[in-house]
């Protein structure tokens, strides 16, 4: 749907800004300019079946972005440097929008294609060990999944 596409474009722009902020902080801490390097795409392929797209959406966005919110909030809460606190708070707000987009996209995919997302979530959550990630899985991801599936 057009609204999801527009939100995806904004999320991509947000990620570019996150990289700019991160490289800026790294450059300042290292005392020299650092930035991205080449992105080799040899052997890169994209699987476009609805099932494959949903699996990637769950792992990278529904789970990944939701965990990103938890991590950024934790870092904002524990940062002592005001600049780092502000950067992490901004990233947390952006990642929250990205996670919402992921969940909205998953709901659309489930409705449109009749796919069952639960096995993909079990695989994506199976390796979690970090206490912040485990809390996010129990408090946010599993309830969101119950609302969608």
Protein backbone atom coordinates (compact mmCIF):
# COMPACT_ATOMS: atom_id res chain seq x y z
CA UNK A 1 0.00 0.00 0.00
CA UNK A 2 1.19 3.57 -0.72
CA UNK A 3 1.27 4.57 2.97
CA UNK A 4 3.62 1.69 3.79
CA UNK A 5 5.86 2.58 0.84
CA UNK A 6 6.07 6.22 1.97
CA UNK A 7 6.94 5.14 5.50
CA UNK A 8 9.60 2.76 4.14
CA UNK A 9 11.22 5.64 2.25
CA UNK A 10 11.29 7.75 5.41
CA UNK A 11 12.77 4.84 7.37
CA UNK A 12 15.54 4.47 4.78
CA UNK A 13 16.35 8.18 5.11
CA UNK A 14 16.39 7.79 8.90
CA UNK A 15 18.92 4.95 8.62
CA UNK A 16 21.20 7.13 6.49
CA UNK A 17 21.02 9.79 9.22
CA UNK A 18 21.79 7.20 11.91
CA UNK A 19 24.90 6.19 9.99
CA UNK A 20 25.91 9.84 9.61
CA UNK A 21 25.52 10.39 13.35
CA UNK A 22 27.41 7.20 14.23
CA UNK A 23 30.30 8.00 11.89
CA UNK A 24 30.40 11.54 13.28
CA UNK A 25 30.69 10.25 16.84
CA UNK A 26 33.29 7.68 15.83
CA UNK A 27 35.29 10.33 13.97
CA UNK A 28 35.24 12.61 16.99
CA UNK A 29 36.28 9.85 19.38
CA UNK A 30 39.05 8.59 17.08
CA UNK A 31 40.28 12.04 16.15
CA UNK A 32 40.13 11.27 12.43
CA UNK A 33 37.45 11.12 9.77
CA UNK A 34 35.82 7.69 9.34
CA UNK A 35 32.99 6.67 7.08
CA UNK A 36 31.51 3.86 5.05
CA UNK A 37 33.55 1.89 2.58
CA UNK A 38 32.62 -0.02 -0.55
CA UNK A 39 29.66 -2.36 -0.37
CA UNK A 40 30.53 -5.51 -2.31
CA UNK A 41 27.47 -7.05 -3.91
CA UNK A 42 29.12 -10.07 -5.55
CA UNK A 43 26.90 -13.08 -5.06
CA UNK A 44 24.11 -10.95 -3.57
CA UNK A 45 20.62 -12.09 -4.42
CA UNK A 46 17.14 -11.16 -3.28
CA UNK A 47 14.45 -13.73 -2.65
CA UNK A 48 11.07 -12.23 -3.51
CA UNK A 49 8.51 -14.89 -2.66
CA UNK A 50 5.96 -13.68 -0.08
CA UNK A 51 7.21 -16.32 2.40
CA UNK A 52 10.85 -15.23 2.01
CA UNK A 53 9.98 -11.54 2.23
CA UNK A 54 7.95 -12.20 5.37
CA UNK A 55 10.79 -14.20 6.95
CA UNK A 56 13.24 -11.36 6.30
CA UNK A 57 10.72 -8.78 7.51
CA UNK A 58 10.28 -10.66 10.78
CA UNK A 59 13.99 -11.18 11.45
CA UNK A 60 15.31 -7.82 10.32
CA UNK A 61 12.40 -5.51 11.09
CA UNK A 62 9.77 -6.89 13.47
CA UNK A 63 12.42 -8.39 15.73
CA UNK A 64 15.50 -6.37 14.73
CA UNK A 65 13.92 -2.92 14.83
CA UNK A 66 12.00 -3.70 18.02
CA UNK A 67 15.23 -4.81 19.70
CA UNK A 68 16.86 -1.68 18.31
CA UNK A 69 14.30 0.43 20.18
CA UNK A 70 15.06 -1.41 23.42
CA UNK A 71 18.82 -1.03 22.93
CA UNK A 72 18.65 2.65 22.04
CA UNK A 73 16.37 3.42 25.00
CA UNK A 74 18.72 1.53 27.32
CA UNK A 75 21.75 3.41 25.96
CA UNK A 76 19.93 6.75 26.21
CA UNK A 77 19.04 5.97 29.83
CA UNK A 78 22.57 4.93 30.78
CA UNK A 79 24.62 7.41 28.73
CA UNK A 80 26.41 10.05 30.77
CA UNK A 81 27.49 12.19 27.82
CA UNK A 82 24.63 14.53 26.85
CA UNK A 83 25.38 14.24 23.13
CA UNK A 84 25.33 10.44 23.22
CA UNK A 85 22.15 10.54 25.33
CA UNK A 86 20.47 12.77 22.72
CA UNK A 87 21.65 10.67 19.77
CA UNK A 88 20.41 7.44 21.35
CA UNK A 89 17.07 9.06 22.26
CA UNK A 90 16.64 10.20 18.66
CA UNK A 91 17.55 6.79 17.31
CA UNK A 92 15.10 5.17 19.74
CA UNK A 93 12.28 7.39 18.47
CA UNK A 94 13.16 6.64 14.84
CA UNK A 95 13.50 2.90 15.49
CA UNK A 96 10.11 2.92 17.20
CA UNK A 97 8.55 4.26 13.99
CA UNK A 98 10.49 1.66 11.99
CA UNK A 99 9.27 -1.14 14.26
CA UNK A 100 5.69 0.09 13.89
CA UNK A 101 6.13 0.08 10.12
CA UNK A 102 7.42 -3.49 10.30
CA UNK A 103 4.45 -4.67 12.33
CA UNK A 104 1.99 -2.84 10.05
CA UNK A 105 3.67 -4.42 7.03
CA UNK A 106 3.50 -7.86 8.63
CA UNK A 107 -0.21 -7.40 9.38
CA UNK A 108 -0.75 -6.42 5.74
CA UNK A 109 1.23 -9.46 4.50
CA UNK A 110 -0.62 -11.88 6.77
CA UNK A 111 -3.94 -10.48 5.56
CA UNK A 112 -2.92 -10.33 1.91
CA UNK A 113 -1.14 -13.68 1.58
CA UNK A 114 -2.59 -15.70 4.49
CA UNK A 115 0.88 -16.60 5.78
CA UNK A 116 1.64 -17.88 9.29
CA UNK A 117 4.42 -15.76 10.84
CA UNK A 118 4.81 -17.77 14.07
CA UNK A 119 7.51 -20.25 12.94
CA UNK A 120 9.66 -17.38 11.68
CA UNK A 121 9.35 -15.60 15.02
CA UNK A 122 10.37 -18.70 16.93
CA UNK A 123 13.52 -18.96 14.80
CA UNK A 124 14.27 -15.24 15.14
CA UNK A 125 13.83 -15.26 18.92
CA UNK A 126 15.53 -18.59 19.62
CA UNK A 127 19.05 -17.19 19.95
CA UNK A 128 18.29 -14.21 22.17
CA UNK A 129 20.42 -14.10 25.32
CA UNK A 130 20.87 -10.41 26.18
CA UNK A 131 18.59 -9.42 29.10
CA UNK A 132 17.41 -6.26 27.28
CA UNK A 133 16.52 -8.34 24.22
CA UNK A 134 14.76 -11.01 26.27
CA UNK A 135 12.68 -8.37 28.06
CA UNK A 136 11.74 -6.75 24.74
CA UNK A 137 10.76 -10.14 23.35
CA UNK A 138 8.46 -10.86 26.29
CA UNK A 139 7.05 -7.37 26.77
CA UNK A 140 6.70 -6.18 23.16
CA UNK A 141 7.40 -8.75 20.45
CA UNK A 142 5.28 -11.66 21.69
CA UNK A 143 2.21 -9.43 22.43
CA UNK A 144 2.55 -7.79 18.99
CA UNK A 145 2.75 -11.21 17.37
CA UNK A 146 -0.38 -12.31 19.21
CA UNK A 147 -2.20 -9.26 17.81
CA UNK A 148 -1.10 -10.01 14.24
CA UNK A 149 -1.26 -13.82 14.03
